Protein backbone atom coordinates (compact mmCIF):
# COMPACT_ATOMS: atom_id res chain seq x y z
CA MET A 1 82.41 176.58 51.39
CA PHE A 2 85.07 175.37 48.98
CA GLU A 3 84.81 178.63 47.00
CA ARG A 4 85.33 180.61 50.19
CA PHE A 5 88.43 178.55 51.00
CA ARG A 6 89.80 179.23 47.51
CA TYR A 7 89.11 182.93 47.93
CA ASN A 8 90.93 183.07 51.29
CA LEU A 9 93.82 181.05 49.91
CA THR A 10 94.14 183.40 46.94
CA ASN A 11 93.62 186.73 48.71
CA ASN A 12 94.66 186.13 52.35
CA PRO A 13 98.45 185.78 52.86
CA ASN A 14 97.97 184.59 56.47
CA THR A 15 95.96 181.60 55.29
CA ARG A 16 98.61 180.69 52.74
CA ARG A 17 101.33 181.03 55.38
CA ARG A 18 99.48 178.77 57.83
CA LEU A 19 98.90 176.17 55.11
CA VAL A 20 102.57 176.14 54.09
CA ILE A 21 103.69 175.87 57.71
CA GLY A 22 101.21 173.05 58.31
CA LEU A 23 102.43 171.14 55.26
CA LEU A 24 106.07 171.60 56.31
CA VAL A 25 105.31 170.31 59.81
CA LEU A 26 103.50 167.30 58.33
CA ILE A 27 106.40 166.52 55.96
CA VAL A 28 109.03 166.90 58.70
CA GLY A 29 106.99 164.71 61.03
CA LEU A 30 106.64 162.04 58.35
CA LEU A 31 110.39 162.11 57.64
CA ILE A 32 111.21 161.81 61.35
CA TYR A 33 108.84 158.85 61.62
CA LEU A 34 110.38 157.12 58.61
CA LEU A 35 114.03 157.88 59.39
CA TRP A 36 114.06 157.72 63.18
CA PRO A 37 116.21 154.71 64.11
CA GLY A 38 114.55 151.89 65.96
CA PRO A 39 116.39 149.81 68.57
CA ARG A 40 119.92 149.06 67.43
CA TYR A 41 120.88 145.43 67.71
CA ALA A 42 124.48 144.28 67.96
CA ALA A 43 125.70 143.05 64.56
CA LEU A 44 127.08 139.76 65.87
CA ARG A 45 129.27 137.54 63.72
CA LEU A 46 130.90 134.16 64.23
CA HIS A 47 134.68 134.20 64.43
CA ASP A 48 136.53 130.88 64.16
CA PRO A 49 139.34 130.25 66.69
CA ASN A 50 139.88 126.72 65.31
CA ILE A 51 138.80 124.79 68.40
CA PHE A 52 136.52 121.78 68.89
CA ALA A 53 133.74 121.66 71.48
CA GLN A 54 134.31 118.13 72.84
CA GLN A 55 138.11 118.29 72.77
CA GLN A 56 139.08 121.75 73.91
CA PHE A 57 135.93 122.79 75.78
CA GLY A 58 136.38 126.49 75.05
CA GLN A 59 134.90 128.93 77.54
CA LEU A 60 134.96 132.72 77.74
CA GLN A 61 135.62 134.51 81.03
CA GLY A 62 135.80 138.27 80.64
CA SER A 63 137.97 138.78 77.58
CA ARG A 64 139.98 135.59 78.08
CA LEU A 65 139.18 132.43 76.13
CA TYR A 66 140.04 129.26 78.06
CA THR A 67 140.83 126.04 76.20
CA PHE A 68 142.19 122.60 77.06
CA ASN A 69 144.67 120.97 74.68
CA GLY A 70 144.61 117.45 76.11
CA ILE A 71 147.63 117.87 78.37
CA GLN A 72 147.32 121.46 79.56
CA ALA A 73 144.86 124.31 80.16
CA VAL A 74 145.69 127.61 78.43
CA SER A 75 144.01 130.97 77.89
CA THR A 76 144.29 133.93 75.52
CA ASP A 77 142.86 137.45 75.48
CA ILE A 78 140.63 137.64 72.41
CA TYR A 79 141.28 141.37 72.06
CA GLN A 80 145.06 141.33 72.63
CA PRO A 81 147.58 139.61 70.31
CA ASN A 82 150.37 137.48 71.81
CA SER A 83 148.53 137.16 75.12
CA MET A 84 148.45 133.38 75.54
CA GLN A 85 149.10 132.05 79.05
CA LYS A 86 149.60 128.55 80.46
CA LEU A 87 147.15 127.87 83.29
CA SER A 88 148.51 124.47 84.30
CA SER A 89 151.57 122.30 83.88
CA ALA A 90 151.53 119.56 81.24
CA GLN A 91 150.21 116.17 82.43
CA LYS A 92 148.97 112.92 80.98
CA LEU A 93 145.25 113.05 81.68
CA PRO A 94 142.64 110.52 80.56
CA THR A 95 140.47 111.59 77.63
CA PRO A 96 137.82 113.92 79.08
CA SER A 97 134.11 113.46 78.38
CA SER A 98 133.11 116.63 80.24
CA PHE A 99 135.00 119.69 81.40
CA ILE A 100 133.46 122.42 83.61
CA TRP A 101 135.78 125.39 84.11
CA ALA A 102 136.30 126.92 87.54
CA ALA A 103 137.69 130.02 85.81
CA ASP A 104 141.51 129.87 85.84
CA LYS A 105 141.58 127.84 89.07
CA GLY A 106 140.75 124.36 87.81
CA ALA A 107 138.06 122.19 86.28
CA VAL A 108 135.47 119.55 87.14
CA MET A 109 136.12 116.63 84.80
CA THR A 110 134.87 113.19 83.87
CA PHE A 111 136.81 110.79 81.64
CA ASN A 112 136.01 107.98 79.22
CA SER A 113 139.35 106.42 78.16
CA ALA A 114 143.17 106.47 78.32
CA PHE A 115 143.34 106.02 82.10
CA TYR A 116 146.56 103.98 82.32
CA GLY A 117 149.67 106.00 83.09
CA SER A 118 147.61 109.13 83.78
CA ILE A 119 147.49 111.25 86.93
CA VAL A 120 144.16 109.53 87.70
CA ASP A 121 145.96 106.17 87.60
CA THR A 122 148.62 107.57 89.95
CA TYR A 123 146.00 108.84 92.41
CA LEU A 124 144.15 105.53 92.46
CA GLN A 125 147.33 103.54 93.10
CA GLN A 126 148.38 105.87 95.91
CA ASN A 127 144.99 105.27 97.54
CA LYS A 128 145.09 101.48 97.01
CA LEU A 129 142.45 101.60 94.28
CA SER A 130 142.54 100.39 90.70
CA ILE A 131 141.11 101.34 87.33
CA ASN A 132 137.82 99.46 87.06
CA GLU A 133 134.21 99.96 86.04
CA SER A 134 133.50 101.89 89.23
CA THR A 135 136.48 104.26 89.30
CA ARG A 136 136.09 105.05 85.60
CA ASN A 137 132.81 106.72 86.58
CA TYR A 138 134.28 109.07 89.19
CA THR A 139 133.92 112.83 88.81
CA TRP A 140 137.16 114.72 89.53
CA TYR A 141 138.43 118.20 90.32
CA TYR A 142 141.70 119.07 88.58
CA ASP A 143 143.64 121.87 90.31
CA PHE A 144 145.61 123.83 87.70
CA LYS A 145 148.09 125.36 90.16
CA THR A 146 149.11 122.21 92.04
CA GLY A 147 148.49 119.68 89.27
CA ASP A 148 146.58 117.52 91.77
CA ILE A 149 143.41 115.66 90.93
CA THR A 150 140.74 114.93 93.57
CA PRO A 151 137.55 112.85 93.33
CA LEU A 152 134.41 114.89 94.00
CA ALA A 153 131.95 112.01 93.62
CA THR A 154 131.93 108.30 92.87
CA SER A 155 129.43 108.84 90.07
CA LEU A 156 129.33 110.74 86.78
CA ILE A 157 127.89 114.21 87.35
CA PRO A 158 126.06 115.69 84.34
CA ASP A 159 127.13 119.18 83.25
CA ARG A 160 123.74 120.63 84.22
CA HIS A 161 124.37 119.53 87.83
CA VAL A 162 127.58 121.57 88.22
CA VAL A 163 128.08 125.33 88.47
CA PHE A 164 131.05 127.46 89.53
CA ASN A 165 130.45 130.71 91.40
CA PRO A 166 133.42 133.08 90.81
CA THR A 167 132.30 135.31 93.69
CA THR A 168 132.50 132.59 96.35
CA ASN A 169 135.18 130.53 94.54
CA HIS A 170 133.05 127.47 95.20
CA ILE A 171 131.91 124.69 92.90
CA TYR A 172 128.34 123.60 93.57
CA PHE A 173 127.16 120.20 92.39
CA LEU A 174 124.50 117.53 92.77
CA ALA A 175 125.87 114.03 93.28
CA ILE A 176 124.08 110.70 93.25
CA ASP A 177 126.22 108.01 94.83
CA ASN A 178 125.28 104.36 94.30
CA THR A 179 125.78 102.46 97.55
CA LYS A 180 125.65 98.72 98.23
CA ASN A 181 123.06 97.42 100.69
CA ASN A 182 124.94 95.05 103.02
CA ASP A 183 121.91 92.82 103.55
CA SER A 184 120.66 92.31 100.01
CA HIS A 185 123.91 93.03 98.14
CA THR A 186 121.94 95.12 95.68
CA ILE A 187 122.67 98.58 94.37
CA THR A 188 120.31 101.25 95.71
CA ALA A 189 120.19 104.73 94.16
CA ARG A 190 119.81 107.44 96.79
CA LEU A 191 118.41 110.93 96.35
CA PRO A 192 121.13 113.35 95.28
CA ALA A 193 122.68 115.78 97.73
CA LEU A 194 123.83 119.35 97.05
CA TYR A 195 127.52 119.94 97.80
CA SER A 196 129.93 122.85 97.67
CA TYR A 197 133.66 122.51 97.03
CA ASP A 198 136.03 125.33 97.99
CA VAL A 199 138.64 125.44 95.20
CA ALA A 200 141.09 127.31 97.46
CA SER A 201 141.01 125.06 100.53
CA GLY A 202 139.72 121.84 99.01
CA GLU A 203 136.97 121.66 101.63
CA LEU A 204 133.87 119.71 100.63
CA THR A 205 130.61 120.66 102.37
CA THR A 206 127.18 119.06 102.21
CA LEU A 207 124.63 121.87 101.84
CA THR A 208 121.39 119.91 101.39
CA LYS A 209 121.34 116.20 102.18
CA LYS A 210 118.35 115.23 100.04
CA VAL A 211 117.30 117.08 96.91
CA SER A 212 113.76 115.90 96.15
CA GLN A 213 112.93 118.25 93.28
CA GLN A 214 111.71 116.42 90.19
CA GLY A 215 112.23 116.67 86.45
CA ASP A 216 115.27 117.86 84.56
CA THR A 217 116.94 119.63 87.48
CA ARG A 218 119.62 122.21 86.70
CA LEU A 219 121.96 124.21 88.93
CA THR A 220 122.42 127.88 88.11
CA LEU A 221 123.72 131.13 89.53
CA CYS A 222 121.13 133.59 90.85
CA ASP A 223 120.92 136.68 93.04
CA SER A 224 118.77 134.98 95.69
CA SER A 225 121.62 132.81 96.97
CA ASP A 226 125.11 131.56 96.13
CA VAL A 227 123.48 128.81 94.07
CA CYS A 228 119.98 128.04 92.84
CA LEU A 229 118.25 125.01 91.36
CA ILE A 230 115.62 124.84 88.63
CA GLY A 231 113.32 121.86 89.08
CA LYS A 232 109.72 120.82 89.40
CA GLY A 233 107.66 120.84 92.57
CA ASP A 234 105.72 117.97 94.09
CA ASN A 235 103.03 118.08 91.41
CA GLY A 236 105.66 118.00 88.67
CA SER A 237 103.72 120.48 86.57
CA SER A 238 105.97 123.53 86.27
CA ASP A 239 109.58 124.64 86.64
CA ARG A 240 110.38 126.43 89.86
CA LEU A 241 113.45 128.27 91.09
CA TYR A 242 114.84 127.14 94.43
CA ALA A 243 117.52 129.04 96.37
CA GLN A 244 119.92 127.25 98.70
CA GLN A 245 119.27 128.71 102.16
CA GLY A 246 120.61 127.13 105.32
CA ASP A 247 120.45 123.37 104.84
CA GLU A 248 117.55 123.32 102.39
CA LEU A 249 116.34 124.54 99.02
CA LYS A 250 113.54 127.09 99.30
CA GLU A 251 111.20 127.96 96.45
CA VAL A 252 111.54 131.58 95.33
CA TYR A 253 109.66 131.55 92.00
CA ASP A 254 107.06 129.46 90.17
CA SER A 255 107.19 129.92 86.39
CA GLN A 256 103.78 128.31 85.75
CA GLY A 257 105.51 126.53 82.89
CA ARG A 258 109.14 126.37 81.79
CA LEU A 259 112.08 128.33 83.22
CA TYR A 260 115.55 128.73 81.70
CA ALA A 261 118.66 130.45 83.06
CA THR A 262 120.43 133.20 81.12
CA SER A 263 124.01 134.46 81.40
CA ASN A 264 122.65 137.25 83.64
CA SER A 265 122.16 135.70 87.08
CA THR A 266 119.27 138.07 87.89
CA LEU A 267 117.22 137.34 84.76
CA PHE A 268 115.54 134.16 83.48
CA LEU A 269 113.47 133.13 80.48
CA SER A 270 109.96 132.09 81.47
CA ILE A 271 107.40 130.39 79.24
CA PRO A 272 104.05 130.10 81.05
CA THR A 273 102.57 126.97 79.48
CA LEU A 274 100.02 125.81 82.05
CA ASP A 275 96.43 125.47 80.88
CA ASN A 276 93.46 126.14 83.14
CA SER A 277 93.75 122.71 84.74
CA GLY A 278 97.32 123.37 85.86
CA ASP A 279 98.80 120.86 83.44
CA ILE A 280 101.36 121.37 80.70
CA PRO A 281 100.17 119.98 77.35
CA SER A 282 102.06 116.79 76.51
CA GLU A 283 102.65 117.97 72.94
CA PRO A 284 103.13 121.76 72.79
CA ASN A 285 101.99 123.46 69.60
CA SER A 286 104.43 124.44 66.89
CA VAL A 287 105.58 128.03 66.63
CA ARG A 288 105.30 127.87 62.85
CA GLN A 289 102.68 126.76 60.37
CA ASN A 290 104.20 123.36 59.74
CA GLN A 291 103.23 122.26 63.28
CA VAL A 292 106.53 120.79 64.43
CA VAL A 293 105.98 118.91 67.68
CA GLY A 294 108.21 120.08 70.53
CA TYR A 295 107.77 123.84 70.23
CA PHE A 296 105.76 126.06 72.53
CA ASP A 297 102.99 128.23 71.15
CA GLU A 298 103.25 130.58 74.14
CA ASP A 299 105.24 133.80 74.24
CA THR A 300 108.52 134.10 76.08
CA TYR A 301 109.09 136.47 78.99
CA LEU A 302 112.18 137.90 80.65
CA VAL A 303 111.69 137.76 84.41
CA ASN A 304 113.53 138.72 87.59
CA PRO A 305 112.33 136.16 90.17
CA LYS A 306 113.58 138.27 93.08
CA THR A 307 111.64 141.43 92.16
CA ASN A 308 108.86 139.78 90.09
CA PHE A 309 109.75 142.07 87.18
CA THR A 310 108.41 140.70 83.88
CA THR A 311 108.63 141.87 80.27
CA LYS A 312 107.34 140.14 77.15
CA LEU A 313 109.97 139.35 74.51
CA GLY A 314 107.67 138.75 71.54
CA TYR A 315 108.99 135.42 70.29
CA LYS A 316 108.51 131.71 70.96
CA VAL A 317 111.04 129.02 71.83
CA SER A 318 111.41 125.25 71.76
CA ASP A 319 111.43 122.92 74.75
CA SER A 320 115.16 122.17 74.37
CA ASP A 321 116.86 124.72 76.64
CA PRO A 322 117.22 127.96 74.64
CA ALA A 323 120.45 129.87 75.29
CA THR A 324 120.34 133.56 76.21
CA GLY A 325 123.50 135.62 76.50
CA PHE A 326 123.76 139.19 77.79
CA LEU A 327 126.76 140.84 76.15
CA ASN A 328 126.37 144.02 78.23
CA ASP A 329 123.62 145.91 80.04
CA ASP A 330 121.75 146.66 76.81
CA ASN A 331 122.45 143.90 74.27
CA PHE A 332 121.54 140.25 74.44
CA PHE A 333 121.00 137.38 72.01
CA VAL A 334 119.01 134.16 71.99
CA ILE A 335 119.92 130.91 70.22
CA ASP A 336 117.19 128.30 69.85
CA ALA A 337 116.05 125.59 67.44
CA ALA A 338 112.60 127.19 67.21
CA PHE A 339 113.94 130.06 65.11
CA ASN A 340 114.86 127.61 62.34
CA ALA A 341 111.92 125.20 62.56
CA GLY A 342 110.62 124.26 59.13
CA GLN A 343 113.53 125.81 57.25
CA GLU A 344 115.41 124.09 54.47
CA SER A 345 118.88 122.96 55.50
CA SER A 346 120.49 125.48 53.15
CA ASP A 347 118.77 128.42 54.83
CA ALA A 348 120.73 130.76 57.07
CA VAL A 349 120.77 129.95 60.77
CA LEU A 350 118.78 132.54 62.69
CA TYR A 351 119.14 134.05 66.13
CA ARG A 352 117.37 136.79 68.06
CA GLY A 353 119.21 140.03 68.69
CA GLY A 354 117.80 141.84 71.71
CA ARG A 355 117.85 145.20 73.46
CA PHE A 356 116.95 145.60 77.12
CA ASN A 357 116.84 148.95 78.92
CA GLY A 358 115.99 147.57 82.34
CA GLN A 359 112.26 148.06 81.85
CA LYS A 360 111.41 146.79 78.39
CA ALA A 361 112.96 144.36 75.93
CA SER A 362 112.74 144.24 72.14
CA THR A 363 114.12 141.61 69.77
CA LYS A 364 114.70 141.08 66.07
CA GLU A 365 115.24 137.93 64.02
CA LEU A 366 118.69 138.06 62.40
CA PRO A 367 120.85 135.68 60.30
CA VAL A 368 124.03 134.27 61.79
CA LEU A 369 126.92 135.56 59.70
CA LEU A 370 130.48 134.28 59.52
CA ASP A 371 133.45 136.62 59.80
CA ASN A 372 133.64 136.96 55.99
CA GLY A 373 129.95 137.87 55.70
CA ASP A 374 128.74 134.43 54.55
CA VAL A 375 125.69 132.98 56.29
CA LEU A 376 126.06 130.00 58.63
CA THR A 377 124.10 126.89 57.62
CA ALA A 378 125.28 124.44 60.32
CA PRO A 379 122.83 124.97 63.21
CA LEU A 380 124.06 126.38 66.50
CA ILE A 381 123.57 124.43 69.71
CA ALA A 382 122.12 126.11 72.78
CA GLN A 383 125.44 125.89 74.61
CA ILE A 384 127.18 129.16 75.42
CA SER A 385 129.56 130.96 77.74
CA VAL A 386 129.51 134.74 77.83
CA GLY A 387 132.33 137.20 78.47
CA ASP A 388 133.03 140.85 77.69
CA ASN A 389 130.79 141.74 74.72
CA ALA A 390 131.32 138.26 73.25
CA ALA A 391 130.25 134.66 73.72
CA VAL A 392 131.51 131.19 72.84
CA VAL A 393 128.86 129.16 71.01
CA SER A 394 128.92 125.60 69.68
CA SER A 395 127.70 124.31 66.34
CA THR A 396 126.51 120.94 65.11
CA ASN A 397 129.74 120.71 63.07
CA LYS A 398 131.47 120.14 66.46
CA ARG A 399 133.35 123.44 66.25
CA GLN A 400 133.21 126.37 68.64
CA TYR A 401 133.00 130.00 67.57
CA VAL A 402 133.30 133.39 69.22
CA PHE A 403 130.06 135.35 68.69
CA SER A 404 130.89 139.06 68.81
CA ASP A 405 130.37 142.43 67.13
CA THR A 406 134.12 143.12 67.44
CA LYS A 407 136.68 141.16 65.46
CA PRO A 408 138.78 139.14 67.95
CA VAL A 409 142.34 137.90 67.55
CA PHE A 410 143.35 134.28 68.10
CA PRO A 411 146.70 132.45 68.27
CA SER A 412 147.18 130.53 65.04
CA VAL A 413 149.63 128.01 63.56
CA ASP A 414 149.00 126.35 60.18
CA GLU A 415 149.08 122.54 60.01
CA SER A 416 152.32 122.29 58.05
CA THR A 417 154.19 124.45 60.57
CA ALA A 418 152.61 122.61 63.49
CA GLN A 419 153.73 119.22 62.15
CA LYS A 420 157.29 120.49 61.73
CA ILE A 421 157.35 121.84 65.30
CA VAL A 422 156.03 118.55 66.72
CA THR A 423 158.52 116.50 64.69
CA THR A 424 161.40 118.61 66.02
CA CYS A 425 160.24 118.35 69.64
CA VAL A 426 159.56 114.61 69.40
CA ALA A 427 163.12 114.07 68.18
CA THR A 428 164.52 115.48 71.44
CA THR A 429 161.88 114.54 74.04
CA ALA A 430 159.77 111.56 72.87
CA LYS A 431 159.82 108.35 70.80
CA SER A 432 157.42 109.07 67.92
CA SER A 433 154.11 110.69 67.00
CA ASP A 434 151.17 110.52 64.62
CA TYR A 435 148.62 113.12 63.52
CA PHE A 436 144.85 113.06 62.96
CA SER A 437 143.99 116.00 60.71
CA ASP A 438 140.20 115.76 61.07
CA SER A 439 140.44 116.59 64.78
CA ARG A 440 143.80 118.45 64.67
CA THR A 441 145.16 115.99 67.24
CA PHE A 442 148.73 114.79 67.76
CA ARG A 443 149.38 111.53 69.60
CA ILE A 444 152.80 111.57 71.26
CA PHE A 445 154.52 108.31 72.24
CA PHE A 446 156.93 108.12 75.18
CA THR A 447 158.85 105.15 76.57
CA HIS A 448 156.47 103.46 79.01
CA LYS A 449 156.81 104.38 82.67
CA ARG A 450 154.54 104.76 85.65
CA SER A 451 154.26 108.56 85.29
CA PHE A 452 154.59 110.62 82.13
CA SER A 453 154.45 114.03 83.83
CA ALA A 454 158.14 114.91 83.48
CA ASP A 455 158.27 113.81 79.82
CA ALA A 456 155.03 115.64 79.03
CA GLN A 457 156.39 118.85 80.55
CA LYS A 458 159.65 118.68 78.55
CA PHE A 459 157.71 118.14 75.35
CA ASN A 460 155.32 120.96 76.24
CA ASP A 461 158.20 123.35 76.98
CA CYS A 462 159.70 122.58 73.56
CA LEU A 463 156.40 123.38 71.83
CA TYR A 464 155.99 126.61 73.77
CA ALA A 465 159.50 127.77 72.93
CA ALA A 466 158.92 127.10 69.21
CA ASN A 467 155.49 128.78 68.99
CA PRO A 468 153.09 129.15 71.96
CA ALA A 469 150.08 129.28 69.63
CA ILE A 470 150.38 125.56 68.89
CA LEU A 471 149.17 124.86 72.44
CA PHE A 472 145.96 126.74 71.63
CA ASN A 473 145.15 125.41 68.15
CA TYR A 474 145.85 121.68 68.57
CA THR A 475 145.05 118.77 70.87
CA PHE A 476 147.67 116.37 72.23
CA ARG A 477 147.31 112.83 73.56
CA ILE A 478 150.08 110.96 75.37
CA ALA A 479 150.65 107.21 75.08
CA GLY A 480 153.33 104.83 76.31
CA VAL A 481 155.29 102.36 74.17
CA SER A 482 157.58 99.46 75.02
CA PRO A 483 161.19 99.37 73.73
CA ASP A 484 160.00 97.31 70.74
CA GLY A 485 157.35 99.94 69.85
CA ARG A 486 154.27 98.20 71.25
CA ILE A 487 151.63 100.58 72.69
CA THR A 488 151.34 99.91 76.43
CA THR A 489 148.61 102.36 77.48
CA ASP A 490 145.00 102.71 76.40
């Protein structure tokens, strides 16, 4: 048989031609297989705008980056130079402990210090109240346009219990008010209620009087309602999605495990962790060989609770709220501690780059790179806000970065120039100042008075005239002093 094949190959030109064509087809097919590009993942890098997470509370809306400088809210377009805008007038505010943006309209805020002489102090006095242990725990809405501050609740509202819906222009929040029982004179904690606050009219509405869902409840945007809640049902075994409908929260999806919101209000991360008994293991398995407690061994899915669409993502996450950001219809990324479990501290921080075509998702493990190409070694925190093809992410070094495949532009003033500008403005509008370089914070002292708003605005106008970028890069705190130089405010 072999001899016959050799004879045909030697003497039959058609056989040789077919063999050559077959080999060429095989080679071309192999080359196509080897060279055909797989899914292209956005080459995201961290770009440093020089802002701090717990001072300036940076958030991205569209292409505008919002920041708070201690006395004023400002924004800048990350793709357009010289685009900084003032969102509010300058005021003496207490030192914020939380700051939830209602886009460019205002913010939900809680405070931890520096109340005296602030606009909160003014409000309390006008309403015959004082600064005390109770009023220090109020949650407030600060209206950028009017400069007014309004209490939303007489308790501290955690960030996860507040969400702003830009479509309805409403803030939705869960509030737990502690009320005194007149008979026993004891403090009784009630079940939280779900409220909405219209940022245009200032109208506060109770949507659901008693929210009985258990566990680590979180408010989120969704396409089933104006606001949804992630919480556990009566058995407390799995996360469920509840949509606010009428005067109650109705279950629309049971994850059979854990459920996490993404920046796309129609899509959620689902990790089905229930065993056959319907219980979640108390100590989930590690995703890596070193068996780190606190990581799920189950795969992660991308789900649409409204349509029941589900696609497997092919990676595992931790139980500490992974962050998923959709940069556009096709590209997304995931930040989670699980991707770095068991690594040495000097290793590059990893994230998942993802592609989603509406039917199927694929992901790839990638290193987080800085703008100059160096790898990031300070872990990222699962705390993000997503805008146009970019996101703001926070790191354990307390800084915030813009995560993008396009190089953004930020307002910038070096420290030496900033100190000269502040010194000049203090000479004409204030008493004195000091500077804390580790947090890039200036403390400005004015002669003590009941309200510092007028002085703060004059000082702010001087800074803006000298270089608007200083209002983006630095934080300012206002304090009062007596004629002999003694500090009179906290």
